[in-house]
Amino acid sequence: MLDAQSEIIDAIAAGTELHETLCRVAHIVERLTPPAICSIHFLDPDGVHIRHCGAPSLPVIRRRSQRSDATIHLPASRVVPSDSV
């Protein structure tokens, strides 16, 4: 686990592009928790939309449907403010 943490810290310190760093995180999660497939999304500031950010192990057709410029609308009831967690 410490090796994985160091790998990510090194990537950040080296100025690696965010998308590439997130793909590394996804690979590490998959390596540590097989047979998991990791997909990373960001919640937009509006609290209603999510953006796909990285999922290198998903099949290509699935990744295309979740391209990084696409947004997904979430029902408001599903969004949990970070300060309530």
Protein backbone atom coordinates (compact mmCIF):
# COMPACT_ATOMS: atom_id res chain seq x y z
CA MET A 1 0.00 0.00 0.00
CA LEU A 2 2.85 2.41 0.79
CA ASP A 3 4.41 1.64 -2.59
CA ALA A 4 1.13 2.59 -4.27
CA GLN A 5 0.95 5.81 -2.28
CA SER A 6 4.54 6.67 -3.20
CA GLU A 7 3.82 6.01 -6.87
CA ILE A 8 0.98 8.54 -6.88
CA ILE A 9 2.91 11.13 -4.87
CA ASP A 10 5.83 10.79 -7.31
CA ALA A 11 3.49 11.31 -10.28
CA ILE A 12 2.03 14.45 -8.70
CA ALA A 13 5.47 15.79 -7.78
CA ALA A 14 6.66 15.20 -11.35
CA GLY A 15 3.79 17.32 -12.68
CA THR A 16 2.09 14.43 -14.44
CA GLU A 17 -1.14 15.42 -16.19
CA LEU A 18 -4.23 14.91 -14.00
CA HIS A 19 -5.89 12.42 -16.38
CA GLU A 20 -2.75 10.26 -16.46
CA THR A 21 -2.39 10.43 -12.67
CA LEU A 22 -6.02 9.39 -12.22
CA CYS A 23 -5.50 6.48 -14.60
CA ARG A 24 -2.53 5.40 -12.47
CA VAL A 25 -4.74 5.60 -9.38
CA ALA A 26 -7.33 3.42 -11.13
CA HIS A 27 -4.67 0.85 -12.08
CA ILE A 28 -3.39 0.77 -8.50
CA VAL A 29 -6.89 0.23 -7.11
CA GLU A 30 -7.39 -2.61 -9.58
CA ARG A 31 -4.05 -4.15 -8.72
CA LEU A 32 -4.81 -4.03 -4.99
CA THR A 33 -8.40 -5.26 -5.25
CA PRO A 34 -8.75 -7.82 -8.04
CA PRO A 35 -11.04 -8.44 -9.88
CA ALA A 36 -12.26 -4.85 -9.43
CA ILE A 37 -12.41 -2.41 -12.33
CA CYS A 38 -12.02 1.20 -11.23
CA SER A 39 -13.73 4.20 -12.77
CA ILE A 40 -13.09 7.73 -11.43
CA HIS A 41 -15.63 10.54 -11.68
CA PHE A 42 -15.73 14.11 -10.38
CA LEU A 43 -18.84 15.77 -9.04
CA ASP A 44 -19.34 19.17 -10.69
CA PRO A 45 -19.66 22.20 -8.40
CA ASP A 46 -23.40 22.32 -9.15
CA GLY A 47 -23.73 19.06 -7.20
CA VAL A 48 -25.91 17.57 -9.93
CA HIS A 49 -23.54 16.47 -12.71
CA ILE A 50 -20.62 14.07 -12.69
CA ARG A 51 -17.69 14.01 -15.11
CA HIS A 52 -15.86 10.90 -16.13
CA CYS A 53 -12.14 11.30 -15.42
CA GLY A 54 -10.49 7.93 -15.86
CA ALA A 55 -11.19 4.24 -16.32
CA PRO A 56 -8.33 2.69 -18.25
CA SER A 57 -9.52 -0.92 -17.85
CA LEU A 58 -13.08 -0.42 -19.05
CA PRO A 59 -13.75 -1.72 -22.55
CA VAL A 60 -13.10 0.93 -25.20
CA ILE A 61 -16.77 1.21 -26.16
CA ARG A 62 -17.70 1.92 -22.53
CA ARG A 63 -14.95 4.54 -22.19
CA ARG A 64 -16.18 6.29 -25.32
CA SER A 65 -19.65 6.56 -23.82
CA GLN A 66 -18.06 8.17 -20.75
CA ARG A 67 -15.70 10.56 -22.53
CA SER A 68 -14.21 13.25 -20.31
CA ASP A 69 -16.28 16.09 -21.80
CA ALA A 70 -19.56 14.27 -21.16
CA THR A 71 -21.67 14.97 -18.11
CA ILE A 72 -24.26 12.81 -16.45
CA HIS A 73 -27.25 14.35 -14.70
CA LEU A 74 -27.91 12.88 -11.26
CA PRO A 75 -31.21 13.13 -9.42
CA ALA A 76 -30.76 15.64 -6.58
CA SER A 77 -31.76 13.00 -4.02
CA ARG A 78 -28.65 10.98 -4.84
CA VAL A 79 -26.16 13.77 -4.26
CA VAL A 80 -24.76 13.88 -0.72
CA PRO A 81 -22.98 17.12 0.29
CA SER A 82 -19.42 16.44 1.41
CA ASP A 83 -19.97 18.22 4.72
CA SER A 84 -22.68 15.74 5.71
CA VAL A 85 -20.53 12.63 5.29
